[in-house]
């Protein structure tokens, strides 16, 4: 995220939490809007992240829960990639006139 000013956001969160959350929501909406066709899934993901934060009870637990969620998605992505690689290898074998592994 180019141009992210951590000190600005930290100061805003510490001194005006309401303004922080308003600015945060605006920044998230702008980021989501920059990805046409993906607004639905991105908004759903952000809602899930927000709900996880609310239910966690503490910022540390929220981070752990969100990291767990990310790990689950990465594992699923890895499984899909492995499946795609197997299918690609199989098709490559068919195209080369050999037998599929």
N, C-alpha and C. Protein backbone atom coordinates (compact mmCIF):
# COMPACT_ATOMS: atom_id res chain seq x y z
N UNK A 1 0.86 -1.17 0.00
CA UNK A 1 0.00 0.00 0.00
C UNK A 1 0.90 1.23 0.00
N UNK A 2 1.18 1.77 -1.16
CA UNK A 2 2.06 2.92 -1.28
C UNK A 2 1.46 4.15 -0.62
N UNK A 3 2.30 4.92 0.04
CA UNK A 3 1.84 6.16 0.64
C UNK A 3 1.14 6.00 1.99
N UNK A 4 1.19 4.83 2.58
CA UNK A 4 0.55 4.62 3.88
C UNK A 4 1.38 5.31 4.96
N UNK A 5 0.73 6.19 5.70
CA UNK A 5 1.40 6.95 6.76
C UNK A 5 0.98 6.38 8.12
N UNK A 6 1.77 5.44 8.62
CA UNK A 6 1.45 4.76 9.88
C UNK A 6 1.27 5.76 11.02
N UNK A 7 2.16 6.73 11.12
CA UNK A 7 2.09 7.69 12.22
C UNK A 7 0.79 8.48 12.20
N UNK A 8 0.33 8.86 11.01
CA UNK A 8 -0.94 9.58 10.89
C UNK A 8 -2.08 8.72 11.43
N UNK A 9 -2.14 7.46 10.98
CA UNK A 9 -3.23 6.58 11.40
C UNK A 9 -3.15 6.27 12.89
N UNK A 10 -1.95 6.10 13.40
CA UNK A 10 -1.76 5.84 14.83
C UNK A 10 -2.25 7.04 15.65
N UNK A 11 -1.85 8.23 15.24
CA UNK A 11 -2.25 9.44 15.94
C UNK A 11 -3.77 9.60 15.90
N UNK A 12 -4.36 9.37 14.74
CA UNK A 12 -5.81 9.50 14.61
C UNK A 12 -6.52 8.49 15.51
N UNK A 13 -6.05 7.26 15.54
CA UNK A 13 -6.68 6.22 16.38
C UNK A 13 -6.58 6.56 17.85
N UNK A 14 -5.45 7.12 18.26
CA UNK A 14 -5.25 7.45 19.67
C UNK A 14 -6.01 8.69 20.11
N UNK A 15 -6.15 9.67 19.22
CA UNK A 15 -6.71 10.95 19.61
C UNK A 15 -8.15 11.18 19.17
N UNK A 16 -8.61 10.46 18.16
CA UNK A 16 -9.99 10.62 17.69
C UNK A 16 -10.46 9.31 17.08
N UNK A 17 -10.78 8.33 17.94
CA UNK A 17 -11.18 7.01 17.45
C UNK A 17 -12.35 7.05 16.47
N UNK A 18 -13.32 7.91 16.69
CA UNK A 18 -14.46 7.99 15.77
C UNK A 18 -14.00 8.42 14.38
N UNK A 19 -13.13 9.41 14.31
CA UNK A 19 -12.60 9.86 13.02
C UNK A 19 -11.73 8.78 12.39
N UNK A 20 -10.99 8.03 13.22
CA UNK A 20 -10.17 6.94 12.71
C UNK A 20 -11.03 5.91 12.00
N UNK A 21 -12.12 5.47 12.66
CA UNK A 21 -12.96 4.44 12.06
C UNK A 21 -13.69 4.97 10.82
N UNK A 22 -14.04 6.24 10.83
CA UNK A 22 -14.67 6.83 9.65
C UNK A 22 -13.67 6.87 8.49
N UNK A 23 -12.45 7.31 8.75
CA UNK A 23 -11.42 7.37 7.71
C UNK A 23 -11.04 5.96 7.25
N UNK A 24 -10.99 5.02 8.18
CA UNK A 24 -10.68 3.64 7.85
C UNK A 24 -11.73 3.06 6.91
N UNK A 25 -13.00 3.27 7.24
CA UNK A 25 -14.07 2.77 6.39
C UNK A 25 -14.01 3.38 4.99
N UNK A 26 -13.70 4.67 4.92
CA UNK A 26 -13.59 5.34 3.62
C UNK A 26 -12.43 4.76 2.83
N UNK A 27 -11.29 4.54 3.47
CA UNK A 27 -10.11 3.98 2.79
C UNK A 27 -10.40 2.57 2.30
N UNK A 28 -11.10 1.78 3.11
CA UNK A 28 -11.44 0.42 2.69
C UNK A 28 -12.40 0.42 1.51
N UNK A 29 -13.41 1.30 1.55
CA UNK A 29 -14.35 1.41 0.43
C UNK A 29 -13.63 1.81 -0.85
N UNK A 30 -12.68 2.76 -0.73
CA UNK A 30 -11.92 3.20 -1.91
C UNK A 30 -11.07 2.05 -2.46
N UNK A 31 -10.45 1.31 -1.58
CA UNK A 31 -9.62 0.18 -2.00
C UNK A 31 -10.47 -0.87 -2.72
N UNK A 32 -11.61 -1.19 -2.16
CA UNK A 32 -12.51 -2.17 -2.76
C UNK A 32 -13.01 -1.68 -4.12
N UNK A 33 -13.33 -0.40 -4.21
CA UNK A 33 -13.83 0.18 -5.46
C UNK A 33 -12.78 0.14 -6.57
N UNK A 34 -11.51 0.04 -6.22
CA UNK A 34 -10.44 0.00 -7.21
C UNK A 34 -10.36 -1.36 -7.91
N UNK A 35 -11.22 -2.30 -7.52
CA UNK A 35 -11.20 -3.66 -8.08
C UNK A 35 -12.57 -4.00 -8.65
N UNK A 36 -12.91 -3.41 -9.81
CA UNK A 36 -14.22 -3.66 -10.42
C UNK A 36 -14.46 -5.15 -10.64
N UNK A 37 -15.67 -5.56 -10.38
CA UNK A 37 -16.04 -6.96 -10.54
C UNK A 37 -15.73 -7.81 -9.32
N UNK A 38 -14.97 -7.27 -8.40
CA UNK A 38 -14.61 -8.01 -7.18
C UNK A 38 -15.20 -7.38 -5.93
N UNK A 39 -16.05 -6.36 -6.13
CA UNK A 39 -16.57 -5.64 -4.98
C UNK A 39 -17.32 -6.54 -4.01
N UNK A 40 -18.15 -7.45 -4.54
CA UNK A 40 -18.92 -8.34 -3.67
C UNK A 40 -18.05 -9.21 -2.79
N UNK A 41 -17.14 -10.00 -3.41
CA UNK A 41 -16.28 -10.85 -2.58
C UNK A 41 -15.38 -10.06 -1.62
N UNK A 42 -14.86 -8.92 -2.08
CA UNK A 42 -14.00 -8.12 -1.21
C UNK A 42 -14.78 -7.52 -0.04
N UNK A 43 -16.00 -7.06 -0.32
CA UNK A 43 -16.84 -6.52 0.76
C UNK A 43 -17.20 -7.63 1.76
N UNK A 44 -17.48 -8.82 1.25
CA UNK A 44 -17.80 -9.95 2.13
C UNK A 44 -16.59 -10.31 2.99
N UNK A 45 -15.41 -10.30 2.39
CA UNK A 45 -14.19 -10.59 3.15
C UNK A 45 -13.98 -9.54 4.23
N UNK A 46 -14.17 -8.27 3.88
CA UNK A 46 -13.98 -7.21 4.87
C UNK A 46 -15.01 -7.33 6.00
N UNK A 47 -16.24 -7.71 5.65
CA UNK A 47 -17.26 -7.91 6.69
C UNK A 47 -16.85 -9.05 7.62
N UNK A 48 -16.29 -10.11 7.04
CA UNK A 48 -15.85 -11.24 7.87
C UNK A 48 -14.71 -10.82 8.79
N UNK A 49 -13.78 -10.02 8.27
CA UNK A 49 -12.67 -9.52 9.08
C UNK A 49 -13.21 -8.64 10.20
N UNK A 50 -14.14 -7.74 9.87
CA UNK A 50 -14.71 -6.85 10.89
C UNK A 50 -15.43 -7.64 11.97
N UNK A 51 -16.20 -8.67 11.57
CA UNK A 51 -16.92 -9.48 12.54
C UNK A 51 -15.94 -10.26 13.42
N UNK A 52 -14.88 -10.75 12.83
CA UNK A 52 -13.86 -11.46 13.60
C UNK A 52 -13.26 -10.54 14.65
N UNK A 53 -12.99 -9.29 14.27
CA UNK A 53 -12.43 -8.33 15.21
C UNK A 53 -13.39 -8.07 16.37
N UNK A 54 -14.68 -7.93 16.06
CA UNK A 54 -15.67 -7.65 17.09
C UNK A 54 -15.79 -8.82 18.06
N UNK A 55 -15.83 -10.03 17.52
CA UNK A 55 -16.04 -11.21 18.36
C UNK A 55 -14.81 -11.65 19.14
N UNK A 56 -13.63 -11.20 18.72
CA UNK A 56 -12.39 -11.65 19.33
C UNK A 56 -12.23 -11.21 20.78
N UNK A 57 -12.68 -10.03 21.10
CA UNK A 57 -12.57 -9.55 22.47
C UNK A 57 -11.32 -8.75 22.77
N UNK A 58 -10.28 -8.92 22.00
CA UNK A 58 -9.06 -8.15 22.21
C UNK A 58 -8.34 -8.02 20.86
N UNK A 59 -7.55 -6.96 20.71
CA UNK A 59 -6.80 -6.81 19.46
C UNK A 59 -5.85 -7.98 19.18
N UNK A 60 -5.22 -8.51 20.23
CA UNK A 60 -4.29 -9.62 20.04
C UNK A 60 -5.04 -10.86 19.55
N UNK A 61 -6.18 -11.15 20.18
CA UNK A 61 -6.96 -12.31 19.75
C UNK A 61 -7.50 -12.10 18.35
N UNK A 62 -7.89 -10.87 18.02
CA UNK A 62 -8.37 -10.56 16.67
C UNK A 62 -7.29 -10.86 15.64
N UNK A 63 -6.06 -10.45 15.93
CA UNK A 63 -4.94 -10.72 15.01
C UNK A 63 -4.74 -12.22 14.84
N UNK A 64 -4.79 -12.96 15.94
CA UNK A 64 -4.62 -14.42 15.86
C UNK A 64 -5.73 -15.04 15.01
N UNK A 65 -6.96 -14.62 15.25
CA UNK A 65 -8.09 -15.18 14.52
C UNK A 65 -8.02 -14.84 13.03
N UNK A 66 -7.63 -13.62 12.71
CA UNK A 66 -7.51 -13.21 11.31
C UNK A 66 -6.36 -13.95 10.64
N UNK A 67 -5.26 -14.14 11.35
CA UNK A 67 -4.15 -14.92 10.79
C UNK A 67 -4.57 -16.37 10.55
N UNK A 68 -5.36 -16.93 11.46
CA UNK A 68 -5.88 -18.29 11.26
C UNK A 68 -6.74 -18.35 10.00
N UNK A 69 -7.58 -17.33 9.82
CA UNK A 69 -8.44 -17.27 8.64
C UNK A 69 -7.58 -17.19 7.36
N UNK A 70 -6.53 -16.38 7.40
CA UNK A 70 -5.63 -16.28 6.25
C UNK A 70 -4.94 -17.61 5.98
N UNK A 71 -4.52 -18.29 7.04
CA UNK A 71 -3.86 -19.59 6.87
C UNK A 71 -4.80 -20.59 6.20
N UNK A 72 -6.07 -20.61 6.63
CA UNK A 72 -7.05 -21.50 6.02
C UNK A 72 -7.16 -21.24 4.52
N UNK A 73 -7.23 -19.98 4.15
CA UNK A 73 -7.36 -19.62 2.74
C UNK A 73 -6.10 -19.99 1.96
N UNK A 74 -4.94 -19.80 2.55
CA UNK A 74 -3.70 -20.17 1.88
C UNK A 74 -3.59 -21.68 1.69
N UNK A 75 -4.04 -22.44 2.66
CA UNK A 75 -4.04 -23.90 2.53
C UNK A 75 -4.96 -24.32 1.40
N UNK A 76 -6.17 -23.74 1.36
CA UNK A 76 -7.09 -24.06 0.27
C UNK A 76 -6.52 -23.67 -1.08
N UNK A 77 -5.88 -22.51 -1.14
CA UNK A 77 -5.25 -22.06 -2.39
C UNK A 77 -4.14 -23.03 -2.81
N UNK A 78 -3.36 -23.49 -1.86
CA UNK A 78 -2.30 -24.44 -2.14
C UNK A 78 -2.87 -25.75 -2.69
N UNK A 79 -3.96 -26.22 -2.10
CA UNK A 79 -4.60 -27.45 -2.58
C UNK A 79 -5.12 -27.27 -4.00
N UNK A 80 -5.73 -26.12 -4.28
CA UNK A 80 -6.23 -25.84 -5.63
C UNK A 80 -5.07 -25.76 -6.62
N UNK A 81 -3.97 -25.16 -6.22
CA UNK A 81 -2.80 -25.07 -7.09
C UNK A 81 -2.26 -26.46 -7.40
N UNK A 82 -2.19 -27.32 -6.41
CA UNK A 82 -1.72 -28.69 -6.63
C UNK A 82 -2.64 -29.42 -7.61
N UNK A 83 -3.95 -29.23 -7.43
CA UNK A 83 -4.91 -29.84 -8.34
C UNK A 83 -4.72 -29.32 -9.77
N UNK A 84 -4.53 -28.03 -9.90
CA UNK A 84 -4.30 -27.42 -11.21
C UNK A 84 -3.01 -27.95 -11.84
N UNK A 85 -1.98 -28.11 -11.04
CA UNK A 85 -0.71 -28.65 -11.56
C UNK A 85 -0.89 -30.09 -12.05
N UNK A 86 -1.63 -30.90 -11.31
CA UNK A 86 -1.89 -32.28 -11.74
C UNK A 86 -2.65 -32.30 -13.07
N UNK A 87 -3.67 -31.47 -13.17
CA UNK A 87 -4.45 -31.40 -14.40
C UNK A 87 -3.60 -30.90 -15.57
N UNK A 88 -2.76 -29.93 -15.31
CA UNK A 88 -1.87 -29.40 -16.35
C UNK A 88 -0.90 -30.47 -16.83
N UNK A 89 -0.33 -31.22 -15.90
CA UNK A 89 0.58 -32.31 -16.26
C UNK A 89 -0.15 -33.37 -17.08
N UNK A 90 -1.37 -33.68 -16.69
CA UNK A 90 -2.16 -34.67 -17.41
C UNK A 90 -2.44 -34.20 -18.85
N UNK A 91 -2.85 -32.95 -18.99
CA UNK A 91 -3.12 -32.41 -20.32
C UNK A 91 -1.84 -32.35 -21.16
N UNK A 92 -0.74 -31.99 -20.55
CA UNK A 92 0.54 -31.93 -21.26
C UNK A 92 0.88 -33.31 -21.80
N UNK A 93 0.67 -34.33 -20.99
CA UNK A 93 0.93 -35.70 -21.42
C UNK A 93 0.05 -36.09 -22.60
N UNK A 94 -1.21 -35.72 -22.55
CA UNK A 94 -2.13 -36.03 -23.65
C UNK A 94 -1.73 -35.30 -24.92
N UNK A 95 -1.34 -34.04 -24.79
CA UNK A 95 -0.95 -33.26 -25.97
C UNK A 95 0.36 -33.76 -26.60
N UNK A 96 1.20 -34.34 -25.80
CA UNK A 96 2.48 -34.86 -26.32
C UNK A 96 2.33 -36.28 -26.84
N UNK A 97 1.12 -36.79 -26.81
CA UNK A 97 0.88 -38.12 -27.35
C UNK A 97 1.21 -39.26 -26.41
N UNK A 98 1.56 -38.92 -25.20
CA UNK A 98 1.87 -39.95 -24.23
C UNK A 98 0.66 -40.29 -23.42
N UNK A 99 0.86 -41.10 -22.45
CA UNK A 99 -0.25 -41.42 -21.56
C UNK A 99 -0.21 -40.49 -20.36
N UNK A 100 -1.39 -40.22 -19.85
CA UNK A 100 -1.50 -39.33 -18.68
C UNK A 100 -0.95 -40.05 -17.46
N UNK A 101 -0.25 -39.33 -16.56
CA UNK A 101 0.32 -39.96 -15.36
C UNK A 101 -0.74 -40.47 -14.42
